[in-house]
Amino acid sequence: MRRLVAASALLALDAAAAWGDHPGASRSEGWSPLTAALVYGGLALLAGMLVIVIVTLLTRRSDDPS
């Protein structure tokens, strides 16, 4: 039983080390800083606009003059 536990621990540690190995040939090229800034800035602007629209719709007063 002790050997089985030791072998399992060694295999788990060996597999964990393999996940950290990122060879350069299979790695994709990253975005340029300008592209990343434009994309994430646009997404932040879109999220802000969506929040404003939702708040405006939820706080709208009724037009009934009763």
N, C-alpha and C. Protein backbone atom coordinates (compact mmCIF):
# COMPACT_ATOMS: atom_id res chain seq x y z
N MET A 1 0.83 -1.18 0.00
CA MET A 1 0.00 0.00 0.00
C MET A 1 0.88 1.26 0.00
N ARG A 2 1.97 1.21 0.76
CA ARG A 2 2.87 2.34 0.85
C ARG A 2 3.50 2.64 -0.51
N ARG A 3 3.83 1.59 -1.24
CA ARG A 3 4.43 1.77 -2.57
C ARG A 3 3.43 2.40 -3.54
N LEU A 4 2.18 2.00 -3.44
CA LEU A 4 1.15 2.55 -4.32
C LEU A 4 0.96 4.05 -4.05
N VAL A 5 0.94 4.44 -2.80
CA VAL A 5 0.80 5.85 -2.45
C VAL A 5 2.01 6.64 -2.92
N ALA A 6 3.21 6.08 -2.73
CA ALA A 6 4.43 6.76 -3.17
C ALA A 6 4.46 6.90 -4.69
N ALA A 7 4.08 5.86 -5.40
CA ALA A 7 4.06 5.92 -6.86
C ALA A 7 3.03 6.93 -7.35
N SER A 8 1.87 6.98 -6.72
CA SER A 8 0.84 7.95 -7.10
C SER A 8 1.30 9.37 -6.86
N ALA A 9 1.97 9.60 -5.74
CA ALA A 9 2.47 10.94 -5.43
C ALA A 9 3.53 11.37 -6.44
N LEU A 10 4.42 10.46 -6.79
CA LEU A 10 5.46 10.78 -7.77
C LEU A 10 4.86 11.07 -9.15
N LEU A 11 3.87 10.30 -9.55
CA LEU A 11 3.22 10.54 -10.84
C LEU A 11 2.49 11.88 -10.85
N ALA A 12 1.84 12.21 -9.73
CA ALA A 12 1.11 13.48 -9.65
C ALA A 12 2.08 14.65 -9.72
N LEU A 13 3.21 14.56 -9.02
CA LEU A 13 4.19 15.64 -9.06
C LEU A 13 4.82 15.77 -10.43
N ASP A 14 5.06 14.64 -11.08
CA ASP A 14 5.65 14.67 -12.42
C ASP A 14 4.68 15.29 -13.43
N ALA A 15 3.39 14.98 -13.31
CA ALA A 15 2.39 15.55 -14.22
C ALA A 15 2.22 17.05 -13.96
N ALA A 16 2.32 17.47 -12.71
CA ALA A 16 2.20 18.90 -12.40
C ALA A 16 3.35 19.69 -13.00
N ALA A 17 4.53 19.13 -13.02
CA ALA A 17 5.67 19.81 -13.61
C ALA A 17 5.53 19.91 -15.13
N ALA A 18 4.90 18.95 -15.74
CA ALA A 18 4.73 18.95 -17.18
C ALA A 18 3.78 20.06 -17.63
N TRP A 19 2.78 20.41 -16.82
CA TRP A 19 1.84 21.46 -17.19
C TRP A 19 2.52 22.82 -17.23
N GLY A 20 3.59 23.01 -16.47
CA GLY A 20 4.27 24.29 -16.43
C GLY A 20 5.23 24.50 -17.60
N ASP A 21 5.44 23.48 -18.41
CA ASP A 21 6.38 23.58 -19.53
C ASP A 21 5.64 24.11 -20.75
N HIS A 22 6.00 25.30 -21.21
CA HIS A 22 5.36 25.90 -22.37
C HIS A 22 6.41 26.13 -23.45
N PRO A 23 6.54 25.21 -24.37
CA PRO A 23 7.54 25.41 -25.42
C PRO A 23 7.15 26.57 -26.33
N GLY A 24 8.14 27.23 -26.88
CA GLY A 24 7.90 28.40 -27.69
C GLY A 24 7.21 28.12 -29.01
N ALA A 25 7.40 26.95 -29.59
CA ALA A 25 6.83 26.67 -30.91
C ALA A 25 5.32 26.52 -30.88
N SER A 26 4.77 25.99 -29.81
CA SER A 26 3.32 25.78 -29.76
C SER A 26 2.60 26.91 -29.04
N ARG A 27 3.32 27.96 -28.64
CA ARG A 27 2.71 29.08 -27.94
C ARG A 27 2.25 30.12 -28.95
N SER A 28 1.05 30.63 -28.75
CA SER A 28 0.53 31.64 -29.67
C SER A 28 1.09 33.01 -29.31
N GLU A 29 1.16 33.86 -30.30
CA GLU A 29 1.65 35.22 -30.11
C GLU A 29 0.63 36.02 -29.32
N GLY A 30 1.09 36.85 -28.39
CA GLY A 30 0.20 37.67 -27.59
C GLY A 30 -0.22 38.93 -28.32
N TRP A 31 -1.20 39.63 -27.76
CA TRP A 31 -1.66 40.88 -28.35
C TRP A 31 -0.65 41.98 -28.08
N SER A 32 -0.65 42.96 -28.94
CA SER A 32 0.17 44.14 -28.67
C SER A 32 -0.51 44.94 -27.56
N PRO A 33 0.22 45.74 -26.82
CA PRO A 33 -0.40 46.52 -25.74
C PRO A 33 -1.50 47.47 -26.24
N LEU A 34 -1.32 48.04 -27.42
CA LEU A 34 -2.34 48.94 -27.96
C LEU A 34 -3.63 48.18 -28.27
N THR A 35 -3.51 47.01 -28.87
CA THR A 35 -4.69 46.20 -29.18
C THR A 35 -5.42 45.80 -27.91
N ALA A 36 -4.68 45.35 -26.91
CA ALA A 36 -5.29 44.95 -25.64
C ALA A 36 -6.00 46.13 -24.99
N ALA A 37 -5.37 47.31 -25.01
CA ALA A 37 -5.98 48.49 -24.40
C ALA A 37 -7.27 48.87 -25.13
N LEU A 38 -7.26 48.82 -26.45
CA LEU A 38 -8.46 49.18 -27.20
C LEU A 38 -9.59 48.18 -26.98
N VAL A 39 -9.27 46.90 -26.96
CA VAL A 39 -10.31 45.88 -26.77
C VAL A 39 -10.90 45.97 -25.37
N TYR A 40 -10.04 46.00 -24.35
CA TYR A 40 -10.55 46.03 -22.98
C TYR A 40 -11.18 47.38 -22.64
N GLY A 41 -10.70 48.45 -23.21
CA GLY A 41 -11.35 49.75 -23.02
C GLY A 41 -12.74 49.77 -23.64
N GLY A 42 -12.86 49.21 -24.84
CA GLY A 42 -14.16 49.12 -25.49
C GLY A 42 -15.14 48.26 -24.71
N LEU A 43 -14.65 47.15 -24.16
CA LEU A 43 -15.52 46.29 -23.35
C LEU A 43 -15.96 47.00 -22.07
N ALA A 44 -15.07 47.76 -21.46
CA ALA A 44 -15.44 48.51 -20.26
C ALA A 44 -16.47 49.58 -20.58
N LEU A 45 -16.31 50.26 -21.71
CA LEU A 45 -17.29 51.27 -22.12
C LEU A 45 -18.65 50.64 -22.39
N LEU A 46 -18.65 49.50 -23.05
CA LEU A 46 -19.90 48.79 -23.32
C LEU A 46 -20.58 48.35 -22.03
N ALA A 47 -19.82 47.85 -21.07
CA ALA A 47 -20.40 47.44 -19.79
C ALA A 47 -20.97 48.64 -19.05
N GLY A 48 -20.28 49.77 -19.09
CA GLY A 48 -20.80 50.98 -18.44
C GLY A 48 -22.09 51.46 -19.07
N MET A 49 -22.15 51.42 -20.39
CA MET A 49 -23.38 51.82 -21.08
C MET A 49 -24.53 50.88 -20.73
N LEU A 50 -24.25 49.61 -20.62
CA LEU A 50 -25.28 48.63 -20.27
C LEU A 50 -25.80 48.88 -18.86
N VAL A 51 -24.94 49.21 -17.93
CA VAL A 51 -25.36 49.52 -16.56
C VAL A 51 -26.25 50.76 -16.55
N ILE A 52 -25.88 51.78 -17.31
CA ILE A 52 -26.69 53.00 -17.36
C ILE A 52 -28.06 52.73 -17.94
N VAL A 53 -28.14 51.93 -18.99
CA VAL A 53 -29.44 51.60 -19.59
C VAL A 53 -30.30 50.82 -18.62
N ILE A 54 -29.72 49.86 -17.91
CA ILE A 54 -30.50 49.06 -16.96
C ILE A 54 -31.00 49.93 -15.81
N VAL A 55 -30.14 50.79 -15.27
CA VAL A 55 -30.56 51.67 -14.17
C VAL A 55 -31.64 52.62 -14.64
N THR A 56 -31.51 53.15 -15.86
CA THR A 56 -32.52 54.07 -16.40
C THR A 56 -33.86 53.37 -16.56
N LEU A 57 -33.85 52.15 -17.04
CA LEU A 57 -35.11 51.40 -17.22
C LEU A 57 -35.75 51.03 -15.89
N LEU A 58 -34.93 50.72 -14.90
CA LEU A 58 -35.49 50.31 -13.60
C LEU A 58 -35.99 51.49 -12.78
N THR A 59 -35.46 52.69 -13.00
CA THR A 59 -35.87 53.84 -12.19
C THR A 59 -36.80 54.78 -12.95
N ARG A 60 -37.34 54.35 -14.06
CA ARG A 60 -38.24 55.18 -14.86
C ARG A 60 -39.55 55.41 -14.10
N ARG A 61 -40.01 56.65 -14.09
CA ARG A 61 -41.28 56.99 -13.44
C ARG A 61 -42.41 56.78 -14.42
N SER A 62 -43.56 56.48 -13.89
CA SER A 62 -44.72 56.30 -14.77
C SER A 62 -45.24 57.68 -15.22
N ASP A 63 -45.83 57.73 -16.38
CA ASP A 63 -46.35 58.97 -16.94
C ASP A 63 -47.83 59.18 -16.58
N ASP A 64 -48.36 58.37 -15.71
CA ASP A 64 -49.77 58.46 -15.33
C ASP A 64 -49.96 59.63 -14.35
N PRO A 65 -50.75 60.69 -14.75
CA PRO A 65 -50.91 61.87 -13.89
C PRO A 65 -52.03 61.70 -12.85
N SER A 66 -52.11 60.60 -12.17
CA SER A 66 -53.20 60.41 -11.21
C SER A 66 -52.85 60.88 -9.89
